C-alpha cells in the first residue's frame, strides 16, 4: 500500500521502532487527537500493516508478522521498570537501586 498521509506513515514507523507501544502513547508521539491516532491505527490494521492486541486495559500495537512470543517480550520491554532491571542485570547490577 502506498501510504500518503504523513501521520499514518509516522504511526507505522513508530510502531515498527517501538513494538508493543500503547495506543495512547502513540497518540502523544504523533501529537494528534486520540480519535485521529485511532483512525490511522485502524486503517493500518485493516491493511495488514500492523497488528493490535488488547492486553488488560491497553491496546498494544505491533508490526505485522510479530509472533505471540515476541509480543510478550515487547510488551514487557515497554515498561520503564523492566528496562531498568534488565539494564542493571546486564551491567553487573551497578545501576540497580531502590527508588530510582
N, C-alpha and C. Protein backbone atom coordinates (compact mmCIF):
# COMPACT_ATOMS: atom_id res chain seq x y z
N UNK A 1 0.83 -1.18 0.00
CA UNK A 1 0.00 0.00 0.00
C UNK A 1 0.87 1.24 0.00
N UNK A 2 0.50 2.22 -0.75
CA UNK A 2 1.20 3.48 -0.79
C UNK A 2 0.64 4.39 0.30
N UNK A 3 1.40 4.58 1.36
CA UNK A 3 0.95 5.43 2.46
C UNK A 3 1.16 6.88 2.07
N UNK A 4 0.09 7.65 2.01
CA UNK A 4 0.22 9.02 1.58
C UNK A 4 0.03 10.00 2.72
N UNK A 5 -0.64 9.61 3.79
CA UNK A 5 -0.86 10.51 4.90
C UNK A 5 0.37 10.50 5.80
N UNK A 6 0.97 11.67 6.07
CA UNK A 6 2.18 11.71 6.90
C UNK A 6 1.97 11.13 8.30
N UNK A 7 0.81 11.36 8.90
CA UNK A 7 0.56 10.80 10.23
C UNK A 7 0.48 9.28 10.19
N UNK A 8 -0.09 8.75 9.14
CA UNK A 8 -0.17 7.30 9.01
C UNK A 8 1.22 6.71 8.81
N UNK A 9 2.04 7.36 8.01
CA UNK A 9 3.42 6.91 7.81
C UNK A 9 4.19 6.96 9.12
N UNK A 10 4.04 8.05 9.87
CA UNK A 10 4.74 8.19 11.15
C UNK A 10 4.25 7.13 12.14
N UNK A 11 2.95 6.87 12.16
CA UNK A 11 2.40 5.86 13.06
C UNK A 11 3.00 4.49 12.77
N UNK A 12 3.07 4.14 11.51
CA UNK A 12 3.65 2.85 11.13
C UNK A 12 5.13 2.78 11.52
N UNK A 13 5.86 3.87 11.32
CA UNK A 13 7.28 3.89 11.67
C UNK A 13 7.46 3.77 13.18
N UNK A 14 6.66 4.48 13.95
CA UNK A 14 6.77 4.42 15.41
C UNK A 14 6.47 3.02 15.92
N UNK A 15 5.44 2.38 15.38
CA UNK A 15 5.10 1.01 15.79
C UNK A 15 6.24 0.06 15.42
N UNK A 16 6.85 0.27 14.27
CA UNK A 16 7.97 -0.59 13.85
C UNK A 16 9.17 -0.42 14.77
N UNK A 17 9.42 0.81 15.21
CA UNK A 17 10.57 1.10 16.06
C UNK A 17 10.31 0.82 17.54
N UNK A 18 9.05 0.75 17.92
CA UNK A 18 8.68 0.54 19.32
C UNK A 18 7.54 -0.46 19.43
N UNK A 19 7.79 -1.72 19.06
CA UNK A 19 6.72 -2.72 19.10
C UNK A 19 6.16 -2.87 20.52
N UNK A 20 4.85 -3.00 20.61
CA UNK A 20 4.20 -3.14 21.90
C UNK A 20 3.76 -1.82 22.48
N UNK A 21 3.92 -0.75 21.71
CA UNK A 21 3.54 0.58 22.19
C UNK A 21 2.03 0.64 22.42
N UNK A 22 1.63 1.41 23.40
CA UNK A 22 0.21 1.60 23.67
C UNK A 22 -0.36 2.61 22.69
N UNK A 23 -1.62 2.47 22.39
CA UNK A 23 -2.29 3.41 21.50
C UNK A 23 -2.20 4.84 22.04
N UNK A 24 -2.38 5.02 23.34
CA UNK A 24 -2.33 6.35 23.93
C UNK A 24 -0.92 6.96 23.80
N UNK A 25 0.11 6.15 23.98
CA UNK A 25 1.49 6.65 23.83
C UNK A 25 1.74 7.03 22.38
N UNK A 26 1.26 6.25 21.44
CA UNK A 26 1.39 6.57 20.02
C UNK A 26 0.73 7.91 19.73
N UNK A 27 -0.44 8.11 20.28
CA UNK A 27 -1.17 9.36 20.07
C UNK A 27 -0.35 10.55 20.55
N UNK A 28 0.30 10.42 21.70
CA UNK A 28 1.12 11.51 22.22
C UNK A 28 2.33 11.77 21.34
N UNK A 29 2.95 10.71 20.85
CA UNK A 29 4.12 10.87 19.98
C UNK A 29 3.75 11.49 18.63
N UNK A 30 2.56 11.16 18.14
CA UNK A 30 2.11 11.74 16.88
C UNK A 30 1.69 13.20 17.05
N UNK A 31 1.29 13.57 18.26
CA UNK A 31 0.82 14.92 18.51
C UNK A 31 -0.54 15.19 17.89
N UNK A 32 -1.36 14.15 17.84
CA UNK A 32 -2.70 14.25 17.26
C UNK A 32 -3.73 13.95 18.33
N UNK A 33 -4.99 14.10 17.98
CA UNK A 33 -6.05 13.72 18.90
C UNK A 33 -6.10 12.19 18.99
N UNK A 34 -6.72 11.69 20.05
CA UNK A 34 -6.85 10.26 20.22
C UNK A 34 -7.65 9.65 19.07
N UNK A 35 -8.70 10.34 18.65
CA UNK A 35 -9.54 9.84 17.55
C UNK A 35 -8.74 9.72 16.25
N UNK A 36 -7.89 10.69 15.99
CA UNK A 36 -7.06 10.65 14.77
C UNK A 36 -6.08 9.50 14.83
N UNK A 37 -5.43 9.32 15.98
CA UNK A 37 -4.48 8.21 16.13
C UNK A 37 -5.20 6.88 15.96
N UNK A 38 -6.36 6.74 16.58
CA UNK A 38 -7.14 5.50 16.47
C UNK A 38 -7.56 5.25 15.03
N UNK A 39 -7.94 6.29 14.31
CA UNK A 39 -8.32 6.17 12.90
C UNK A 39 -7.15 5.61 12.07
N UNK A 40 -5.96 6.17 12.26
CA UNK A 40 -4.80 5.70 11.50
C UNK A 40 -4.41 4.28 11.88
N UNK A 41 -4.49 3.97 13.17
CA UNK A 41 -4.18 2.61 13.62
C UNK A 41 -5.16 1.62 13.00
N UNK A 42 -6.42 1.96 13.00
CA UNK A 42 -7.43 1.06 12.41
C UNK A 42 -7.19 0.87 10.92
N UNK A 43 -6.83 1.92 10.22
CA UNK A 43 -6.53 1.81 8.78
C UNK A 43 -5.31 0.93 8.54
N UNK A 44 -4.27 1.12 9.34
CA UNK A 44 -3.06 0.29 9.20
C UNK A 44 -3.36 -1.17 9.54
N UNK A 45 -4.18 -1.39 10.57
CA UNK A 45 -4.56 -2.75 10.94
C UNK A 45 -5.36 -3.41 9.83
N UNK A 46 -6.33 -2.69 9.30
CA UNK A 46 -7.19 -3.22 8.24
C UNK A 46 -6.37 -3.56 6.99
N UNK A 47 -5.32 -2.77 6.71
CA UNK A 47 -4.48 -3.02 5.54
C UNK A 47 -3.37 -4.03 5.81
N UNK A 48 -3.33 -4.58 7.02
CA UNK A 48 -2.34 -5.61 7.35
C UNK A 48 -0.95 -5.07 7.62
N UNK A 49 -0.83 -3.78 7.89
CA UNK A 49 0.48 -3.17 8.14
C UNK A 49 0.93 -3.34 9.59
N UNK A 50 -0.04 -3.38 10.51
CA UNK A 50 0.25 -3.59 11.93
C UNK A 50 -0.80 -4.54 12.49
N UNK A 51 -0.53 -5.07 13.68
CA UNK A 51 -1.50 -5.89 14.39
C UNK A 51 -1.73 -5.27 15.76
N UNK A 52 -2.93 -5.43 16.27
CA UNK A 52 -3.31 -4.88 17.57
C UNK A 52 -3.63 -6.03 18.51
N UNK A 53 -3.30 -5.83 19.77
CA UNK A 53 -3.58 -6.84 20.77
C UNK A 53 -4.08 -6.15 22.02
N UNK A 54 -5.26 -6.54 22.49
CA UNK A 54 -5.82 -5.97 23.70
C UNK A 54 -5.26 -6.75 24.87
N UNK A 55 -4.54 -6.07 25.74
CA UNK A 55 -3.94 -6.71 26.92
C UNK A 55 -4.35 -5.93 28.15
N UNK A 56 -5.29 -6.49 28.90
CA UNK A 56 -5.83 -5.77 30.05
C UNK A 56 -6.61 -4.56 29.56
N UNK A 57 -6.26 -3.40 30.10
CA UNK A 57 -6.93 -2.16 29.70
C UNK A 57 -6.30 -1.54 28.46
N UNK A 58 -5.17 -2.08 28.04
CA UNK A 58 -4.39 -1.44 26.99
C UNK A 58 -4.48 -2.14 25.65
N UNK A 59 -4.43 -1.35 24.61
CA UNK A 59 -4.32 -1.88 23.27
C UNK A 59 -2.87 -1.66 22.84
N UNK A 60 -2.16 -2.75 22.61
CA UNK A 60 -0.77 -2.66 22.18
C UNK A 60 -0.69 -2.86 20.68
N UNK A 61 0.30 -2.21 20.08
CA UNK A 61 0.45 -2.23 18.63
C UNK A 61 1.79 -2.85 18.26
N UNK A 62 1.77 -3.69 17.23
CA UNK A 62 2.96 -4.41 16.79
C UNK A 62 3.04 -4.37 15.27
N UNK A 63 4.26 -4.47 14.74
CA UNK A 63 4.38 -4.60 13.28
C UNK A 63 3.74 -5.92 12.82
N UNK A 64 3.26 -5.95 11.61
CA UNK A 64 2.67 -7.17 11.07
C UNK A 64 3.71 -8.29 11.11
N UNK A 65 3.25 -9.49 11.42
CA UNK A 65 4.14 -10.65 11.45
C UNK A 65 4.79 -10.90 12.80
N UNK A 66 4.49 -10.09 13.80
CA UNK A 66 5.06 -10.29 15.13
C UNK A 66 4.45 -11.54 15.75
N UNK A 67 5.28 -12.45 16.23
CA UNK A 67 4.80 -13.69 16.83
C UNK A 67 4.27 -13.44 18.23
N UNK A 68 3.46 -14.36 18.74
CA UNK A 68 2.90 -14.22 20.08
C UNK A 68 4.00 -14.17 21.14
N UNK A 69 5.02 -14.98 20.99
CA UNK A 69 6.13 -14.97 21.94
C UNK A 69 6.86 -13.64 21.94
N UNK A 70 7.04 -13.08 20.77
CA UNK A 70 7.69 -11.78 20.67
C UNK A 70 6.82 -10.68 21.25
N UNK A 71 5.51 -10.80 21.08
CA UNK A 71 4.60 -9.79 21.63
C UNK A 71 4.77 -9.68 23.14
N UNK A 72 4.88 -10.82 23.82
CA UNK A 72 5.04 -10.81 25.27
C UNK A 72 6.34 -10.11 25.67
N UNK A 73 7.41 -10.39 24.95
CA UNK A 73 8.70 -9.76 25.25
C UNK A 73 8.65 -8.27 24.98
N UNK A 74 8.09 -7.88 23.84
CA UNK A 74 8.00 -6.45 23.51
C UNK A 74 7.12 -5.71 24.52
N UNK A 75 6.03 -6.34 24.94
CA UNK A 75 5.14 -5.70 25.91
C UNK A 75 5.88 -5.47 27.22
N UNK A 76 6.66 -6.45 27.65
CA UNK A 76 7.43 -6.29 28.89
C UNK A 76 8.46 -5.18 28.76
N UNK A 77 9.08 -5.06 27.60
CA UNK A 77 10.11 -4.04 27.41
C UNK A 77 9.54 -2.63 27.33
N UNK A 78 8.24 -2.49 27.17
CA UNK A 78 7.62 -1.17 27.18
C UNK A 78 7.59 -0.58 28.59
N UNK A 79 7.78 -1.42 29.59
CA UNK A 79 7.79 -0.97 30.98
C UNK A 79 9.15 -0.37 31.32
N UNK A 80 9.15 0.86 31.82
CA UNK A 80 10.39 1.53 32.21
C UNK A 80 11.11 0.75 33.30
N UNK A 81 10.34 0.23 34.24
CA UNK A 81 10.93 -0.54 35.34
C UNK A 81 11.59 -1.81 34.83
N UNK A 82 10.93 -2.52 33.94
CA UNK A 82 11.50 -3.75 33.38
C UNK A 82 12.79 -3.45 32.62
N UNK A 83 12.81 -2.36 31.85
CA UNK A 83 14.02 -1.99 31.12
C UNK A 83 15.16 -1.65 32.08
N UNK A 84 14.84 -0.96 33.17
CA UNK A 84 15.87 -0.59 34.14
C UNK A 84 16.45 -1.84 34.82
N UNK A 85 15.60 -2.78 35.17
CA UNK A 85 16.07 -4.02 35.80
C UNK A 85 16.95 -4.80 34.84
N UNK A 86 16.52 -4.94 33.59
CA UNK A 86 17.33 -5.66 32.61
C UNK A 86 18.66 -4.97 32.37
N UNK A 87 18.65 -3.65 32.31
CA UNK A 87 19.88 -2.90 32.13
C UNK A 87 20.83 -3.10 33.30
N UNK A 88 20.28 -3.07 34.52
CA UNK A 88 21.11 -3.27 35.70
C UNK A 88 21.71 -4.68 35.71
N UNK A 89 20.91 -5.66 35.36
CA UNK A 89 21.42 -7.03 35.30
C UNK A 89 22.51 -7.17 34.24
N UNK A 90 22.33 -6.47 33.14
CA UNK A 90 23.32 -6.53 32.07
C UNK A 90 24.62 -5.82 32.45
N UNK A 91 24.52 -4.87 33.36
CA UNK A 91 25.71 -4.11 33.79
C UNK A 91 26.12 -4.49 35.20
N UNK A 92 26.07 -5.76 35.52
CA UNK A 92 26.51 -6.28 36.82
C UNK A 92 25.83 -5.63 38.01
N UNK A 93 24.61 -5.21 37.85
CA UNK A 93 23.76 -4.68 38.90
C UNK A 93 24.31 -3.40 39.54
N UNK A 94 25.25 -2.73 38.91
CA UNK A 94 25.79 -1.48 39.46
C UNK A 94 24.75 -0.38 39.49
N UNK A 95 23.81 -0.38 38.55
CA UNK A 95 22.84 0.70 38.46
C UNK A 95 21.54 0.41 39.20
N UNK A 96 21.42 -0.73 39.83
CA UNK A 96 20.16 -1.13 40.47
C UNK A 96 20.08 -0.57 41.88
N UNK A 97 19.19 0.41 42.09
CA UNK A 97 18.96 0.99 43.41
C UNK A 97 17.46 1.13 43.60
N UNK A 98 17.01 0.91 44.79
CA UNK A 98 15.59 1.06 45.10
C UNK A 98 15.24 2.54 45.12
N UNK A 99 14.14 2.91 44.46
CA UNK A 99 13.67 4.29 44.50
C UNK A 99 14.15 5.15 43.34
N UNK A 100 14.96 4.65 42.46
CA UNK A 100 15.44 5.45 41.31
C UNK A 100 14.50 5.35 40.16
